[in-house]
């Protein structure tokens, strides 16, 4: 199973998002480090809207997502960009 799929499943199971998009941005980072070729799933962007984020600060939303995805980060996911919103809040997407 791909990293992207595992991220989608984990966030869906725990946060029941109204919207969720996981974008593999690895190709944009090729060559940033010798072992980053752009061919693996090393850089991901998560865009998520969930009721669970209501009343949470931006920092707490990021901490929540990072905690849920810690196994992926520990296994080699190099970078994770998080755009987390509660329903009704403006999003960039």
PDB file of N, CA and C in Angstrom:
ATOM      1  N   UNK A   1       0.852  -1.183   0.000  1.00  0.00           N
ATOM      2  CA  UNK A   1       0.000   0.000   0.000  1.00  0.00           C
ATOM      3  C   UNK A   1       0.894   1.241   0.000  1.00  0.00           C
ATOM      4  N   UNK A   2       0.497   2.238  -0.721  1.00  0.00           N
ATOM      5  CA  UNK A   2       1.299   3.455  -0.828  1.00  0.00           C
ATOM      6  C   UNK A   2       1.208   4.306   0.437  1.00  0.00           C
ATOM      7  N   UNK A   3       2.191   5.168   0.611  1.00  0.00           N
ATOM      8  CA  UNK A   3       2.187   6.111   1.725  1.00  0.00           C
ATOM      9  C   UNK A   3       0.937   6.989   1.636  1.00  0.00           C
ATOM     10  N   UNK A   4       0.649   7.476   0.450  1.00  0.00           N
ATOM     11  CA  UNK A   4      -0.523   8.327   0.244  1.00  0.00           C
ATOM     12  C   UNK A   4      -1.799   7.614   0.698  1.00  0.00           C
ATOM     13  N   UNK A   5      -1.958   6.364   0.331  1.00  0.00           N
ATOM     14  CA  UNK A   5      -3.148   5.597   0.726  1.00  0.00           C
ATOM     15  C   UNK A   5      -3.217   5.403   2.233  1.00  0.00           C
ATOM     16  N   UNK A   6      -2.083   5.111   2.848  1.00  0.00           N
ATOM     17  CA  UNK A   6      -2.071   4.933   4.311  1.00  0.00           C
ATOM     18  C   UNK A   6      -2.437   6.226   5.024  1.00  0.00           C
ATOM     19  N   UNK A   7      -1.953   7.350   4.513  1.00  0.00           N
ATOM     20  CA  UNK A   7      -2.294   8.651   5.094  1.00  0.00           C
ATOM     21  C   UNK A   7      -3.792   8.894   4.968  1.00  0.00           C
ATOM     22  N   UNK A   8      -4.344   8.657   3.795  1.00  0.00           N
ATOM     23  CA  UNK A   8      -5.781   8.857   3.584  1.00  0.00           C
ATOM     24  C   UNK A   8      -6.606   7.998   4.531  1.00  0.00           C
ATOM     25  N   UNK A   9      -6.242   6.740   4.680  1.00  0.00           N
ATOM     26  CA  UNK A   9      -6.984   5.827   5.558  1.00  0.00           C
ATOM     27  C   UNK A   9      -6.883   6.273   7.013  1.00  0.00           C
ATOM     28  N   UNK A  10      -5.684   6.601   7.459  1.00  0.00           N
ATOM     29  CA  UNK A  10      -5.478   7.009   8.857  1.00  0.00           C
ATOM     30  C   UNK A  10      -6.283   8.265   9.183  1.00  0.00           C
ATOM     31  N   UNK A  11      -6.191   9.274   8.336  1.00  0.00           N
ATOM     32  CA  UNK A  11      -6.904  10.527   8.617  1.00  0.00           C
ATOM     33  C   UNK A  11      -8.420  10.345   8.513  1.00  0.00           C
ATOM     34  N   UNK A  12      -8.867   9.548   7.571  1.00  0.00           N
ATOM     35  CA  UNK A  12     -10.302   9.291   7.436  1.00  0.00           C
ATOM     36  C   UNK A  12     -10.826   8.560   8.673  1.00  0.00           C
ATOM     37  N   UNK A  13     -10.108   7.540   9.110  1.00  0.00           N
ATOM     38  CA  UNK A  13     -10.542   6.760  10.281  1.00  0.00           C
ATOM     39  C   UNK A  13     -10.618   7.593  11.546  1.00  0.00           C
ATOM     40  N   UNK A  14      -9.655   8.493  11.743  1.00  0.00           N
ATOM     41  CA  UNK A  14      -9.571   9.232  13.003  1.00  0.00           C
ATOM     42  C   UNK A  14     -10.278  10.591  12.999  1.00  0.00           C
ATOM     43  N   UNK A  15     -10.362  11.216  11.839  1.00  0.00           N
ATOM     44  CA  UNK A  15     -10.888  12.586  11.803  1.00  0.00           C
ATOM     45  C   UNK A  15     -12.197  12.731  11.028  1.00  0.00           C
ATOM     46  N   UNK A  16     -12.665  11.682  10.383  1.00  0.00           N
ATOM     47  CA  UNK A  16     -13.912  11.712   9.606  1.00  0.00           C
ATOM     48  C   UNK A  16     -14.056  13.037   8.839  1.00  0.00           C
ATOM     49  N   UNK A  17     -13.129  13.314   7.940  1.00  0.00           N
ATOM     50  CA  UNK A  17     -13.138  14.614   7.257  1.00  0.00           C
ATOM     51  C   UNK A  17     -14.310  14.777   6.290  1.00  0.00           C
ATOM     52  N   UNK A  18     -14.742  16.024   6.150  1.00  0.00           N
ATOM     53  CA  UNK A  18     -15.718  16.362   5.116  1.00  0.00           C
ATOM     54  C   UNK A  18     -15.023  16.426   3.761  1.00  0.00           C
ATOM     55  N   UNK A  19     -13.784  16.866   3.782  1.00  0.00           N
ATOM     56  CA  UNK A  19     -12.948  16.920   2.579  1.00  0.00           C
ATOM     57  C   UNK A  19     -11.544  16.499   2.962  1.00  0.00           C
ATOM     58  N   UNK A  20     -10.918  15.754   2.080  1.00  0.00           N
ATOM     59  CA  UNK A  20      -9.542  15.327   2.304  1.00  0.00           C
ATOM     60  C   UNK A  20      -8.867  15.130   0.955  1.00  0.00           C
ATOM     61  N   UNK A  21      -7.729  15.777   0.804  1.00  0.00           N
ATOM     62  CA  UNK A  21      -6.900  15.588  -0.371  1.00  0.00           C
ATOM     63  C   UNK A  21      -5.465  15.397   0.120  1.00  0.00           C
ATOM     64  N   UNK A  22      -4.839  14.334  -0.338  1.00  0.00           N
ATOM     65  CA  UNK A  22      -3.429  14.096  -0.035  1.00  0.00           C
ATOM     66  C   UNK A  22      -2.675  14.183  -1.361  1.00  0.00           C
ATOM     67  N   UNK A  23      -1.706  15.087  -1.406  1.00  0.00           N
ATOM     68  CA  UNK A  23      -0.973  15.363  -2.641  1.00  0.00           C
ATOM     69  C   UNK A  23       0.489  14.969  -2.453  1.00  0.00           C
ATOM     70  N   UNK A  24       0.974  14.143  -3.356  1.00  0.00           N
ATOM     71  CA  UNK A  24       2.383  13.759  -3.354  1.00  0.00           C
ATOM     72  C   UNK A  24       3.169  14.850  -4.083  1.00  0.00           C
ATOM     73  N   UNK A  25       3.976  15.586  -3.345  1.00  0.00           N
ATOM     74  CA  UNK A  25       4.776  16.670  -3.905  1.00  0.00           C
ATOM     75  C   UNK A  25       6.256  16.291  -4.009  1.00  0.00           C
ATOM     76  N   UNK A  26       6.545  15.020  -3.930  1.00  0.00           N
ATOM     77  CA  UNK A  26       7.932  14.554  -3.904  1.00  0.00           C
ATOM     78  C   UNK A  26       8.723  15.009  -5.116  1.00  0.00           C
ATOM     79  N   UNK A  27       8.104  14.983  -6.287  1.00  0.00           N
ATOM     80  CA  UNK A  27       8.809  15.357  -7.518  1.00  0.00           C
ATOM     81  C   UNK A  27       9.310  16.801  -7.486  1.00  0.00           C
ATOM     82  N   UNK A  28       8.680  17.649  -6.686  1.00  0.00           N
ATOM     83  CA  UNK A  28       9.090  19.051  -6.597  1.00  0.00           C
ATOM     84  C   UNK A  28      10.351  19.233  -5.758  1.00  0.00           C
ATOM     85  N   UNK A  29      10.777  18.177  -5.069  1.00  0.00           N
ATOM     86  CA  UNK A  29      11.898  18.296  -4.137  1.00  0.00           C
ATOM     87  C   UNK A  29      13.106  17.463  -4.552  1.00  0.00           C
ATOM     88  N   UNK A  30      13.089  16.957  -5.757  1.00  0.00           N
ATOM     89  CA  UNK A  30      14.218  16.155  -6.247  1.00  0.00           C
ATOM     90  C   UNK A  30      15.508  16.958  -6.157  1.00  0.00           C
ATOM     91  N   UNK A  31      16.530  16.327  -5.596  1.00  0.00           N
ATOM     92  CA  UNK A  31      17.839  16.956  -5.519  1.00  0.00           C
ATOM     93  C   UNK A  31      18.062  17.858  -4.327  1.00  0.00           C
ATOM     94  N   UNK A  32      17.049  18.062  -3.499  1.00  0.00           N
ATOM     95  CA  UNK A  32      17.239  18.916  -2.321  1.00  0.00           C
ATOM     96  C   UNK A  32      18.220  18.305  -1.342  1.00  0.00           C
ATOM     97  N   UNK A  33      18.274  16.993  -1.337  1.00  0.00           N
ATOM     98  CA  UNK A  33      19.260  16.250  -0.562  1.00  0.00           C
ATOM     99  C   UNK A  33      19.714  15.088  -1.435  1.00  0.00           C
ATOM    100  N   UNK A  34      20.905  14.571  -1.225  1.00  0.00           N
ATOM    101  CA  UNK A  34      21.398  13.504  -2.101  1.00  0.00           C
ATOM    102  C   UNK A  34      20.469  12.293  -2.221  1.00  0.00           C
ATOM    103  N   UNK A  35      19.786  11.942  -1.150  1.00  0.00           N
ATOM    104  CA  UNK A  35      18.928  10.756  -1.190  1.00  0.00           C
ATOM    105  C   UNK A  35      17.475  11.072  -1.574  1.00  0.00           C
ATOM    106  N   UNK A  36      17.167  12.318  -1.905  1.00  0.00           N
ATOM    107  CA  UNK A  36      15.823  12.709  -2.332  1.00  0.00           C
ATOM    108  C   UNK A  36      15.847  12.824  -3.862  1.00  0.00           C
ATOM    109  N   UNK A  37      15.302  11.811  -4.527  1.00  0.00           N
ATOM    110  CA  UNK A  37      15.351  11.758  -5.989  1.00  0.00           C
ATOM    111  C   UNK A  37      14.070  12.254  -6.641  1.00  0.00           C
ATOM    112  N   UNK A  38      13.004  12.391  -5.866  1.00  0.00           N
ATOM    113  CA  UNK A  38      11.724  12.806  -6.427  1.00  0.00           C
ATOM    114  C   UNK A  38      10.876  11.647  -6.896  1.00  0.00           C
ATOM    115  N   UNK A  39      11.407  10.428  -6.786  1.00  0.00           N
ATOM    116  CA  UNK A  39      10.667   9.263  -7.257  1.00  0.00           C
ATOM    117  C   UNK A  39       9.904   8.548  -6.144  1.00  0.00           C
ATOM    118  N   UNK A  40      10.235   8.802  -4.900  1.00  0.00           N
ATOM    119  CA  UNK A  40       9.551   8.144  -3.779  1.00  0.00           C
ATOM    120  C   UNK A  40       8.468   9.033  -3.207  1.00  0.00           C
ATOM    121  N   UNK A  41       7.792   8.526  -2.220  1.00  0.00           N
ATOM    122  CA  UNK A  41       6.748   9.304  -1.536  1.00  0.00           C
ATOM    123  C   UNK A  41       7.367   9.931  -0.290  1.00  0.00           C
ATOM    124  N   UNK A  42       8.114  11.007  -0.488  1.00  0.00           N
ATOM    125  CA  UNK A  42       8.869  11.629   0.598  1.00  0.00           C
ATOM    126  C   UNK A  42       8.281  12.944   1.081  1.00  0.00           C
ATOM    127  N   UNK A  43       7.497  13.613   0.236  1.00  0.00           N
ATOM    128  CA  UNK A  43       6.943  14.930   0.566  1.00  0.00           C
ATOM    129  C   UNK A  43       5.441  14.919   0.263  1.00  0.00           C
ATOM    130  N   UNK A  44       4.635  15.126   1.284  1.00  0.00           N
ATOM    131  CA  UNK A  44       3.187  15.093   1.114  1.00  0.00           C
ATOM    132  C   UNK A  44       2.548  16.377   1.627  1.00  0.00           C
ATOM    133  N   UNK A  45       1.467  16.753   0.995  1.00  0.00           N
ATOM    134  CA  UNK A  45       0.638  17.864   1.439  1.00  0.00           C
ATOM    135  C   UNK A  45      -0.740  17.295   1.761  1.00  0.00           C
ATOM    136  N   UNK A  46      -1.251  17.633   2.960  1.00  0.00           N
ATOM    137  CA  UNK A  46      -2.575  17.193   3.388  1.00  0.00           C
ATOM    138  C   UNK A  46      -3.481  18.414   3.478  1.00  0.00           C
ATOM    139  N   UNK A  47      -4.568  18.351   2.752  1.00  0.00           N
ATOM    140  CA  UNK A  47      -5.618  19.378   2.848  1.00  0.00           C
ATOM    141  C   UNK A  47      -6.835  18.677   3.419  1.00  0.00           C
ATOM    142  N   UNK A  48      -7.291  19.164   4.573  1.00  0.00           N
ATOM    143  CA  UNK A  48      -8.344  18.448   5.282  1.00  0.00           C
ATOM    144  C   UNK A  48      -9.306  19.422   5.959  1.00  0.00           C
ATOM    145  N   UNK A  49     -10.585  19.103   5.876  1.00  0.00           N
ATOM    146  CA  UNK A  49     -11.632  19.839   6.587  1.00  0.00           C
ATOM    147  C   UNK A  49     -12.345  18.828   7.468  1.00  0.00           C
ATOM    148  N   UNK A  50     -12.353  19.081   8.770  1.00  0.00           N
ATOM    149  CA  UNK A  50     -12.968  18.152   9.714  1.00  0.00           C
ATOM    150  C   UNK A  50     -13.617  18.908  10.874  1.00  0.00           C
ATOM    151  N   UNK A  51     -14.757  18.426  11.299  1.00  0.00           N
ATOM    152  CA  UNK A  51     -15.427  18.994  12.479  1.00  0.00           C
ATOM    153  C   UNK A  51     -14.552  18.871  13.714  1.00  0.00           C
ATOM    154  N   UNK A  52     -13.688  17.877  13.735  1.00  0.00           N
ATOM    155  CA  UNK A  52     -12.819  17.670  14.897  1.00  0.00           C
ATOM    156  C   UNK A  52     -11.866  18.837  15.120  1.00  0.00           C
ATOM    157  N   UNK A  53     -11.667  19.670  14.108  1.00  0.00           N
ATOM    158  CA  UNK A  53     -10.783  20.824  14.243  1.00  0.00           C
ATOM    159  C   UNK A  53     -11.497  22.054  14.799  1.00  0.00           C
ATOM    160  N   UNK A  54     -12.799  22.004  14.947  1.00  0.00           N
ATOM    161  CA  UNK A  54     -13.553  23.149  15.474  1.00  0.00           C
ATOM    162  C   UNK A  54     -13.042  23.502  16.866  1.00  0.00           C
ATOM    163  N   UNK A  55     -12.744  24.773  17.059  1.00  0.00           N
ATOM    164  CA  UNK A  55     -12.273  25.249  18.357  1.00  0.00           C
ATOM    165  C   UNK A  55     -10.800  24.998  18.622  1.00  0.00           C
ATOM    166  N   UNK A  56     -10.101  24.351  17.693  1.00  0.00           N
ATOM    167  CA  UNK A  56      -8.673  24.079  17.870  1.00  0.00           C
ATOM    168  C   UNK A  56      -7.853  25.182  17.215  1.00  0.00           C
ATOM    169  N   UNK A  57      -6.724  25.488  17.805  1.00  0.00           N
ATOM    170  CA  UNK A  57      -5.797  26.435  17.185  1.00  0.00           C
ATOM    171  C   UNK A  57      -5.138  25.764  15.972  1.00  0.00           C
ATOM    172  N   UNK A  58      -4.555  26.575  15.143  1.00  0.00           N
ATOM    173  CA  UNK A  58      -3.843  26.042  13.980  1.00  0.00           C
ATOM    174  C   UNK A  58      -2.730  25.090  14.423  1.00  0.00           C
ATOM    175  N   UNK A  59      -2.020  25.463  15.467  1.00  0.00           N
ATOM    176  CA  UNK A  59      -0.942  24.625  15.986  1.00  0.00           C
ATOM    177  C   UNK A  59      -1.469  23.280  16.469  1.00  0.00           C
ATOM    178  N   UNK A  60      -2.575  23.287  17.192  1.00  0.00           N
ATOM    179  CA  UNK A  60      -3.142  22.037  17.691  1.00  0.00           C
ATOM    180  C   UNK A  60      -3.643  21.148  16.551  1.00  0.00           C
ATOM    181  N   UNK A  61      -4.146  21.755  15.496  1.00  0.00           N
ATOM    182  CA  UNK A  61      -4.566  20.975  14.323  1.00  0.00           C
ATOM    183  C   UNK A  61      -3.366  20.274  13.698  1.00  0.00           C
ATOM    184  N   UNK A  62      -2.272  21.009  13.557  1.00  0.00           N
ATOM    185  CA  UNK A  62      -1.057  20.420  12.992  1.00  0.00           C
ATOM    186  C   UNK A  62      -0.520  19.321  13.900  1.00  0.00           C
ATOM    187  N   UNK A  63      -0.536  19.563  15.191  1.00  0.00           N
ATOM    188  CA  UNK A  63      -0.060  18.542  16.133  1.00  0.00           C
ATOM    189  C   UNK A  63      -0.904  17.278  16.038  1.00  0.00           C
ATOM    190  N   UNK A  64      -2.212  17.446  15.874  1.00  0.00           N
ATOM    191  CA  UNK A  64      -3.107  16.300  15.755  1.00  0.00           C
ATOM    192  C   UNK A  64      -2.764  15.471  14.525  1.00  0.00           C
ATOM    193  N   UNK A  65      -2.619  16.128  13.393  1.00  0.00           N
ATOM    194  CA  UNK A  65      -2.297  15.425  12.146  1.00  0.00           C
ATOM    195  C   UNK A  65      -0.909  14.781  12.251  1.00  0.00           C
ATOM    196  N   UNK A  66       0.061  15.514  12.759  1.00  0.00           N
ATOM    197  CA  UNK A  66       1.414  14.965  12.899  1.00  0.00           C
ATOM    198  C   UNK A  66       1.437  13.750  13.826  1.00  0.00           C
ATOM    199  N   UNK A  67       0.685  13.794  14.910  1.00  0.00           N
ATOM    200  CA  UNK A  67       0.644  12.656  15.828  1.00  0.00           C
ATOM    201  C   UNK A  67       0.038  11.423  15.145  1.00  0.00           C
ATOM    202  N   UNK A  68      -1.025  11.642  14.396  1.00  0.00           N
ATOM    203  CA  UNK A  68      -1.658  10.522  13.693  1.00  0.00           C
ATOM    204  C   UNK A  68      -0.733   9.921  12.631  1.00  0.00           C
ATOM    205  N   UNK A  69       0.082  10.763  12.022  1.00  0.00           N
ATOM    206  CA  UNK A  69       0.951  10.307  10.937  1.00  0.00           C
ATOM    207  C   UNK A  69       2.387  10.041  11.386  1.00  0.00           C
ATOM    208  N   UNK A  70       2.618  10.015  12.685  1.00  0.00           N
ATOM    209  CA  UNK A  70       3.957   9.759  13.209  1.00  0.00           C
ATOM    210  C   UNK A  70       4.569   8.461  12.662  1.00  0.00           C
ATOM    211  N   UNK A  71       3.811   7.383  12.548  1.00  0.00           N
ATOM    212  CA  UNK A  71       4.420   6.170  11.973  1.00  0.00           C
ATOM    213  C   UNK A  71       4.962   6.387  10.554  1.00  0.00           C
ATOM    214  N   UNK A  72       4.281   7.182   9.763  1.00  0.00           N
ATOM    215  CA  UNK A  72       4.763   7.471   8.403  1.00  0.00           C
ATOM    216  C   UNK A  72       6.032   8.333   8.456  1.00  0.00           C
ATOM    217  N   UNK A  73       6.045   9.316   9.342  1.00  0.00           N
ATOM    218  CA  UNK A  73       7.221  10.168   9.491  1.00  0.00           C
ATOM    219  C   UNK A  73       8.409   9.351   9.988  1.00  0.00           C
ATOM    220  N   UNK A  74       8.157   8.454  10.929  1.00  0.00           N
ATOM    221  CA  UNK A  74       9.226   7.599  11.452  1.00  0.00           C
ATOM    222  C   UNK A  74       9.749   6.626  10.392  1.00  0.00           C
ATOM    223  N   UNK A  75       8.882   6.268   9.445  1.00  0.00           N
ATOM    224  CA  UNK A  75       9.252   5.293   8.409  1.00  0.00           C
ATOM    225  C   UNK A  75       9.905   5.929   7.188  1.00  0.00           C
ATOM    226  N   UNK A  76      10.065   7.264   7.173  1.00  0.00           N
ATOM    227  CA  UNK A  76      10.788   7.870   6.069  1.00  0.00           C
ATOM    228  C   UNK A  76      10.089   9.009   5.352  1.00  0.00           C
ATOM    229  N   UNK A  77       8.847   9.316   5.714  1.00  0.00           N
ATOM    230  CA  UNK A  77       8.215  10.500   5.132  1.00  0.00           C
ATOM    231  C   UNK A  77       9.024  11.708   5.585  1.00  0.00           C
ATOM    232  N   UNK A  78       9.592  12.423   4.643  1.00  0.00           N
ATOM    233  CA  UNK A  78      10.552  13.483   4.959  1.00  0.00           C
ATOM    234  C   UNK A  78       9.870  14.804   5.313  1.00  0.00           C
ATOM    235  N   UNK A  79       8.771  15.128   4.639  1.00  0.00           N
ATOM    236  CA  UNK A  79       8.113  16.413   4.860  1.00  0.00           C
ATOM    237  C   UNK A  79       6.607  16.263   4.737  1.00  0.00           C
ATOM    238  N   UNK A  80       5.896  16.997   5.591  1.00  0.00           N
ATOM    239  CA  UNK A  80       4.438  16.955   5.610  1.00  0.00           C
ATOM    240  C   UNK A  80       3.915  18.379   5.757  1.00  0.00           C
ATOM    241  N   UNK A  81       3.239  18.860   4.732  1.00  0.00           N
ATOM    242  CA  UNK A  81       2.585  20.170   4.787  1.00  0.00           C
ATOM    243  C   UNK A  81       1.121  19.924   5.140  1.00  0.00           C
ATOM    244  N   UNK A  82       0.608  20.691   6.095  1.00  0.00           N
ATOM    245  CA  UNK A  82      -0.754  20.471   6.570  1.00  0.00           C
ATOM    246  C   UNK A  82      -1.567  21.748   6.401  1.00  0.00           C
ATOM    247  N   UNK A  83      -2.706  21.621   5.736  1.00  0.00           N
ATOM    248  CA  UNK A  83      -3.688  22.692   5.616  1.00  0.00           C
ATOM    249  C   UNK A  83      -4.971  22.146   6.234  1.00  0.00           C
ATOM    250  N   UNK A  84      -5.188  22.453   7.504  1.00  0.00           N
ATOM    251  CA  UNK A  84      -6.308  21.889   8.256  1.00  0.00           C
ATOM    252  C   UNK A  84      -7.319  22.977   8.602  1.00  0.00           C
ATOM    253  N   UNK A  85      -8.589  22.685   8.327  1.00  0.00           N
ATOM    254  CA  UNK A  85      -9.656  23.652   8.592  1.00  0.00           C
ATOM    255  C   UNK A  85     -10.855  22.955   9.208  1.00  0.00           C
ATOM    256  N   UNK A  86     -11.640  23.732   9.914  1.00  0.00           N
ATOM    257  CA  UNK A  86     -12.937  23.269  10.394  1.00  0.00           C
ATOM    258  C   UNK A  86     -13.977  23.651   9.341  1.00  0.00           C
ATOM    259  N   UNK A  87     -15.123  22.986   9.325  1.00  0.00           N
ATOM    260  CA  UNK A  87     -16.162  23.333   8.354  1.00  0.00           C
ATOM    261  C   UNK A  87     -16.544  24.807   8.449  1.00  0.00           C
ATOM    262  N   UNK A  88     -16.745  25.426   7.301  1.00  0.00           N
ATOM    263  CA  UNK A  88     -17.134  26.823   7.247  1.00  0.00           C
ATOM    264  C   UNK A  88     -15.997  27.813   7.241  1.00  0.00           C
ATOM    265  N   UNK A  89     -14.792  27.343   7.553  1.00  0.00           N
ATOM    266  CA  UNK A  89     -13.634  28.231   7.515  1.00  0.00           C
ATOM    267  C   UNK A  89     -13.125  28.339   6.076  1.00  0.00           C
ATOM    268  N   UNK A  90     -12.549  29.465   5.734  1.00  0.00           N
ATOM    269  CA  UNK A  90     -12.010  29.590   4.378  1.00  0.00           C
ATOM    270  C   UNK A  90     -10.845  28.646   4.163  1.00  0.00           C
ATOM    271  N   UNK A  91     -10.747  28.132   2.942  1.00  0.00           N
ATOM    272  CA  UNK A  91      -9.622  27.282   2.559  1.00  0.00           C
ATOM    273  C   UNK A  91      -9.019  27.847   1.293  1.00  0.00           C
ATOM    274  N   UNK A  92      -7.805  27.425   0.992  1.00  0.00           N
ATOM    275  CA  UNK A  92      -7.135  27.875  -0.224  1.00  0.00           C
ATOM    276  C   UNK A  92      -7.424  26.930  -1.390  1.00  0.00           C
ATOM    277  N   UNK A  93      -8.319  25.987  -1.210  1.00  0.00           N
ATOM    278  CA  UNK A  93      -8.562  25.007  -2.267  1.00  0.00           C
ATOM    279  C   UNK A  93     -10.014  24.742  -2.489  1.00  0.00           C
TER     280      UNK A  93
END
